[in-house]
Protein backbone atom coordinates (compact mmCIF):
# COMPACT_ATOMS: atom_id res chain seq x y z
CA MET A 1 26.02 -81.09 3.65
CA LEU A 2 27.14 -79.51 6.90
CA ILE A 3 29.85 -82.22 7.29
CA VAL A 4 31.01 -81.60 3.86
CA ALA A 5 31.39 -77.67 4.60
CA VAL A 6 33.44 -78.56 7.68
CA ALA A 7 35.73 -80.93 6.24
CA TRP A 8 36.25 -78.66 3.50
CA ILE A 9 37.05 -76.19 6.20
CA TYR A 10 39.76 -78.40 7.88
CA VAL A 11 41.16 -78.99 4.59
CA VAL A 12 41.72 -75.47 3.54
CA LEU A 13 42.90 -74.65 6.68
CA LEU A 14 45.55 -77.07 6.54
CA MET A 15 46.64 -75.80 2.93
CA ALA A 16 46.66 -72.44 4.48
CA PHE A 17 48.95 -73.27 7.08
CA THR A 18 51.13 -74.49 4.99
CA GLU A 19 51.58 -71.15 2.84
CA PRO A 20 55.08 -69.44 3.16
CA THR A 21 53.62 -66.28 4.31
CA VAL A 22 50.76 -64.92 6.54
CA VAL A 23 49.14 -63.07 3.58
CA ALA A 24 49.34 -66.04 1.33
CA GLY A 25 47.54 -68.26 3.98
CA ILE A 26 45.19 -65.75 4.41
CA MET A 27 44.43 -65.43 0.66
CA THR A 28 44.18 -68.95 0.14
CA PHE A 29 41.76 -69.26 2.95
CA SER A 30 39.72 -66.55 1.66
CA LEU A 31 39.58 -67.78 -1.83
CA TYR A 32 39.46 -71.58 -1.71
CA CYS A 33 37.28 -71.46 1.57
CA VAL A 34 35.18 -68.56 2.39
CA LEU A 35 34.07 -67.45 -1.36
CA PRO A 36 33.29 -70.76 -2.61
CA LEU A 37 30.96 -71.53 0.91
CA GLY A 38 29.62 -68.00 1.06
CA ILE A 39 28.35 -69.20 -2.35
CA LEU A 40 27.39 -72.62 -2.15
CA PHE A 41 25.42 -71.99 1.22
CA TYR A 42 23.86 -68.86 -0.50
CA LEU A 43 22.49 -70.94 -3.68
CA THR A 44 21.34 -73.88 -1.32
CA GLY A 45 19.54 -71.38 1.20
CA SER A 46 17.45 -69.82 -1.78
CA GLY A 47 14.64 -72.83 -0.83
CA ARG A 48 14.51 -72.04 2.46
CA ARG A 49 14.37 -68.22 1.94
CA LYS A 50 11.23 -68.78 -0.39
CA ARG A 51 9.60 -70.74 2.31
CA ALA A 52 10.17 -68.39 4.88
CA ARG A 53 8.96 -65.35 2.64
CA ALA A 54 5.82 -67.41 1.76
CA ALA A 55 5.30 -67.94 5.47
CA ARG A 56 5.68 -64.26 6.20
CA GLU A 57 3.23 -63.27 3.97
CA LEU A 58 0.95 -66.05 5.21
CA ALA A 59 1.03 -64.70 8.60
CA THR A 60 0.86 -61.05 7.20
CA LYS A 61 -2.85 -61.81 5.73
CA GLN A 62 -3.89 -63.54 8.62
CA GLN A 63 -3.45 -60.90 10.93
CA ALA A 64 -4.93 -58.94 8.54
CA GLY A 65 -8.57 -60.97 8.87
CA PRO A 66 -10.70 -61.96 6.16
CA GLU A 67 -11.13 -59.71 2.77
CA ARG A 68 -14.41 -58.56 2.32
CA PRO A 69 -15.48 -58.61 -1.39
CA PRO A 70 -16.24 -55.24 -3.50
CA GLU A 71 -19.74 -53.70 -2.85
CA ALA A 72 -21.19 -52.59 -6.13
């Protein structure tokens, strides 16, 4: 996945260099590269975020120690 993203950045960077003005080049790079790749990495990173959250919760529970049952 990362190699595809690097290749896409390269292609869009070359597209941006061919624009007639600097502003058009920046807009091309932003709208064709930064925005789509940001969305893609956010969507594909959701599994990692879930696993990291679960690991943090498990570590917190282990630090707190075993739970005692409520006394009647």
